[in-house]
């Protein structure tokens, strides 16, 4: 008999995907870690089916790989691969910001301002890479969603997740957190001005700055 309190399968699948994805992006499941469907299902208290779908989605997003005779594992990118990822992301982030500059609503800008304010507030406390990763992902998601270009949004979602997977530990550094805050504030100011070219330049500079920080870490 069907449990009337159980969420629809689609909603459960999305929920499980978000949970497993967060385990990966937070570093709890680090690069190379086995993504055992039975173990994850037991950990999350769900059946294996939505977990299996979540792992397949992570493979599609580039956050996991399927290793022959070993199953799925969290992806591990080397220095050259992540620089390739960021080189493409810089261009696409710029395009997304350029398109979003004339499409963001007042509510969108308020949300971005709140995210920047939260980053600034968090500078006064201990580092929390999982929290700061989530703030960063949401900040960029708002912009790419308002770019009104689904292929662009889909590709950026994958590239951003891969970048966080590679070096989420950058968020341990107060200097890096402060620099990211400054760059986000610059992007926000460009978007608030409604100037597409300025928004593009600020977004591209942000990602290119990340490449520099990776090089010195």
Protein backbone atom coordinates (compact mmCIF):
# COMPACT_ATOMS: atom_id res chain seq x y z
CA UNK A 1 0.00 0.00 0.00
CA UNK A 2 1.32 3.48 -0.89
CA UNK A 3 2.28 5.72 2.03
CA UNK A 4 0.12 8.88 1.70
CA UNK A 5 2.81 10.86 3.54
CA UNK A 6 5.60 9.85 1.14
CA UNK A 7 6.78 12.60 -1.22
CA UNK A 8 6.29 12.12 -4.98
CA UNK A 9 9.09 10.13 -6.59
CA UNK A 10 10.32 13.15 -8.59
CA UNK A 11 10.57 15.32 -5.48
CA UNK A 12 12.31 12.56 -3.55
CA UNK A 13 14.80 12.12 -6.38
CA UNK A 14 15.60 15.85 -6.40
CA UNK A 15 15.98 15.86 -2.63
CA UNK A 16 18.34 12.88 -2.62
CA UNK A 17 20.37 14.38 -5.46
CA UNK A 18 20.80 17.62 -3.49
CA UNK A 19 21.86 15.66 -0.40
CA UNK A 20 24.45 13.52 -2.19
CA UNK A 21 25.71 16.52 -4.16
CA UNK A 22 26.18 18.48 -0.94
CA UNK A 23 28.12 15.60 0.60
CA UNK A 24 30.48 15.80 -2.37
CA UNK A 25 30.80 19.58 -2.55
CA UNK A 26 31.29 19.92 1.22
CA UNK A 27 34.22 17.52 1.03
CA UNK A 28 32.60 14.90 3.25
CA UNK A 29 32.90 12.62 0.23
CA UNK A 30 36.24 13.70 -1.21
CA UNK A 31 37.82 13.09 -4.63
CA UNK A 32 38.21 9.38 -5.29
CA UNK A 33 35.68 8.39 -2.62
CA UNK A 34 33.49 5.44 -3.61
CA UNK A 35 29.83 6.33 -4.14
CA UNK A 36 28.31 3.11 -2.85
CA UNK A 37 24.58 3.12 -3.58
CA UNK A 38 23.71 0.72 -0.69
CA UNK A 39 25.84 2.70 1.79
CA UNK A 40 24.44 6.06 0.74
CA UNK A 41 20.88 4.74 0.78
CA UNK A 42 21.40 3.51 4.36
CA UNK A 43 23.02 6.80 5.39
CA UNK A 44 20.18 8.89 3.94
CA UNK A 45 17.41 6.53 4.99
CA UNK A 46 15.98 6.07 1.50
CA UNK A 47 15.68 3.28 -1.05
CA UNK A 48 18.48 2.58 -3.50
CA UNK A 49 16.62 3.77 -6.60
CA UNK A 50 16.79 7.57 -5.99
CA UNK A 51 20.40 7.23 -4.81
CA UNK A 52 21.31 5.38 -8.00
CA UNK A 53 19.70 8.17 -10.03
CA UNK A 54 21.52 10.80 -7.97
CA UNK A 55 24.89 9.16 -8.63
CA UNK A 56 24.14 9.04 -12.36
CA UNK A 57 23.30 12.75 -12.24
CA UNK A 58 26.61 13.47 -10.52
CA UNK A 59 28.40 11.63 -13.33
CA UNK A 60 26.54 13.79 -15.87
CA UNK A 61 27.56 16.93 -13.93
CA UNK A 62 31.21 15.89 -13.94
CA UNK A 63 31.30 15.44 -10.16
CA UNK A 64 31.68 11.67 -10.36
CA UNK A 65 33.14 9.10 -12.73
CA UNK A 66 32.30 5.46 -13.36
CA UNK A 67 35.38 3.33 -12.82
CA UNK A 68 35.30 -0.09 -14.57
CA UNK A 69 34.97 -2.97 -12.09
CA UNK A 70 34.92 -0.48 -9.18
CA UNK A 71 31.72 1.53 -9.62
CA UNK A 72 31.17 5.26 -9.28
CA UNK A 73 33.64 7.48 -7.47
CA UNK A 74 33.87 11.19 -6.76
CA UNK A 75 35.81 12.81 -9.60
CA UNK A 76 39.38 13.97 -9.04
CA UNK A 77 40.58 16.78 -11.31
CA UNK A 78 44.26 17.61 -11.70
CA UNK A 79 45.73 21.11 -12.04
CA UNK A 80 45.65 21.17 -15.83
CA UNK A 81 42.03 19.98 -15.97
CA UNK A 82 40.79 22.58 -13.49
CA UNK A 83 42.54 25.37 -15.36
CA UNK A 84 40.78 24.26 -18.53
CA UNK A 85 37.48 24.23 -16.63
CA UNK A 86 38.06 27.74 -15.27
CA UNK A 87 39.19 29.14 -18.63
CA UNK A 88 35.85 28.13 -20.14
CA UNK A 89 33.91 29.18 -17.06
CA UNK A 90 35.41 32.69 -17.16
CA UNK A 91 34.01 33.28 -20.63
CA UNK A 92 30.61 31.76 -19.87
CA UNK A 93 30.30 33.54 -16.50
CA UNK A 94 30.98 36.79 -18.33
CA UNK A 95 28.30 36.01 -20.90
CA UNK A 96 25.79 35.11 -18.19
CA UNK A 97 26.42 38.34 -16.29
CA UNK A 98 26.20 40.38 -19.47
CA UNK A 99 22.81 38.88 -20.33
CA UNK A 100 21.53 39.06 -16.76
CA UNK A 101 22.42 42.74 -16.34
CA UNK A 102 19.27 43.86 -18.15
CA UNK A 103 17.04 41.05 -16.88
CA UNK A 104 17.52 41.00 -13.10
CA UNK A 105 14.53 42.18 -11.10
CA UNK A 106 14.71 44.27 -7.94
CA UNK A 107 14.01 41.09 -6.00
CA UNK A 108 16.94 39.35 -7.71
CA UNK A 109 19.27 42.23 -6.87
CA UNK A 110 18.07 42.19 -3.27
CA UNK A 111 18.80 38.47 -3.08
CA UNK A 112 22.30 38.99 -4.45
CA UNK A 113 22.89 41.83 -1.99
CA UNK A 114 21.74 39.59 0.88
CA UNK A 115 24.18 36.88 -0.21
CA UNK A 116 27.05 39.38 -0.33
CA UNK A 117 26.05 40.70 3.10
CA UNK A 118 26.05 37.14 4.46
CA UNK A 119 29.55 36.59 3.08
CA UNK A 120 30.73 39.78 4.74
CA UNK A 121 29.15 38.80 8.05
CA UNK A 122 30.78 35.37 7.90
CA UNK A 123 34.24 36.92 7.60
CA UNK A 124 34.01 37.79 11.28
CA UNK A 125 33.63 34.16 12.30
CA UNK A 126 35.35 30.85 11.70
CA UNK A 127 35.68 29.46 8.21
CA UNK A 128 32.96 27.05 7.13
CA UNK A 129 33.74 25.76 3.60
CA UNK A 130 30.38 23.99 3.22
CA UNK A 131 28.47 27.17 4.12
CA UNK A 132 30.65 29.42 1.97
CA UNK A 133 30.51 27.04 -0.97
CA UNK A 134 26.72 27.11 -0.82
CA UNK A 135 26.60 30.93 -0.69
CA UNK A 136 28.90 31.12 -3.70
CA UNK A 137 26.88 28.59 -5.69
CA UNK A 138 23.61 30.42 -5.00
CA UNK A 139 25.13 33.79 -5.94
CA UNK A 140 26.20 32.50 -9.34
CA UNK A 141 23.00 30.50 -9.82
CA UNK A 142 20.84 33.62 -9.50
CA UNK A 143 22.86 35.32 -12.24
CA UNK A 144 22.96 32.41 -14.66
CA UNK A 145 19.25 31.69 -14.21
CA UNK A 146 18.41 35.27 -15.18
CA UNK A 147 20.61 35.06 -18.27
CA UNK A 148 17.62 33.35 -19.94
CA UNK A 149 19.72 30.80 -21.82
CA UNK A 150 19.22 27.21 -20.68
CA UNK A 151 22.25 25.64 -22.41
CA UNK A 152 24.43 28.34 -20.86
CA UNK A 153 22.90 27.79 -17.41
CA UNK A 154 23.32 24.01 -17.63
CA UNK A 155 26.97 24.19 -18.65
CA UNK A 156 27.81 26.77 -16.01
CA UNK A 157 26.19 24.67 -13.30
CA UNK A 158 28.52 21.80 -14.19
CA UNK A 159 31.64 23.98 -14.43
CA UNK A 160 30.97 25.75 -11.13
CA UNK A 161 30.40 22.47 -9.31
CA UNK A 162 33.63 21.02 -10.72
CA UNK A 163 35.57 24.10 -9.59
CA UNK A 164 34.29 23.75 -6.03
CA UNK A 165 34.99 20.03 -6.05
CA UNK A 166 38.63 20.64 -6.97
CA UNK A 167 39.56 23.10 -4.24
CA UNK A 168 36.79 23.68 -1.76
CA UNK A 169 39.56 24.18 0.81
CA UNK A 170 40.21 27.65 -0.62
CA UNK A 171 37.35 28.74 1.64
CA UNK A 172 39.53 27.98 4.69
CA UNK A 173 41.65 31.05 3.92
CA UNK A 174 40.43 34.40 5.26
CA UNK A 175 42.35 36.15 2.49
CA UNK A 176 40.58 34.11 -0.18
CA UNK A 177 37.19 34.66 1.46
CA UNK A 178 37.80 38.41 1.60
CA UNK A 179 38.91 38.48 -2.05
CA UNK A 180 35.85 36.51 -3.18
CA UNK A 181 33.65 38.94 -1.26
CA UNK A 182 35.26 41.93 -2.98
CA UNK A 183 34.82 40.33 -6.40
CA UNK A 184 31.19 39.44 -5.74
CA UNK A 185 30.52 42.99 -4.58
CA UNK A 186 32.08 44.32 -7.80
CA UNK A 187 29.86 42.03 -9.88
CA UNK A 188 26.80 43.13 -7.92
CA UNK A 189 27.60 46.82 -8.42
CA UNK A 190 27.93 46.27 -12.16
CA UNK A 191 24.62 44.43 -12.26
CA UNK A 192 22.89 47.12 -10.21
CA UNK A 193 24.12 49.70 -12.72
CA UNK A 194 22.52 47.71 -15.53
CA UNK A 195 25.69 47.91 -17.62
CA UNK A 196 26.15 44.61 -19.49
CA UNK A 197 29.79 45.16 -20.49
CA UNK A 198 30.82 46.09 -16.95
CA UNK A 199 29.02 43.03 -15.61
CA UNK A 200 30.78 40.79 -18.11
CA UNK A 201 34.19 42.22 -17.21
CA UNK A 202 33.59 41.87 -13.47
CA UNK A 203 32.39 38.26 -13.77
CA UNK A 204 35.32 37.26 -15.99
CA UNK A 205 37.80 38.93 -13.64
CA UNK A 206 36.32 36.99 -10.72
CA UNK A 207 36.98 33.61 -12.31
CA UNK A 208 40.42 34.61 -13.58
CA UNK A 209 41.20 35.70 -10.03
CA UNK A 210 40.26 32.22 -8.89
CA UNK A 211 42.83 30.77 -11.30
CA UNK A 212 45.45 33.01 -9.69
CA UNK A 213 44.45 31.95 -6.18
CA UNK A 214 44.67 28.30 -7.14
CA UNK A 215 48.19 28.88 -8.39
CA UNK A 216 49.45 30.38 -5.15
CA UNK A 217 47.66 28.06 -2.73
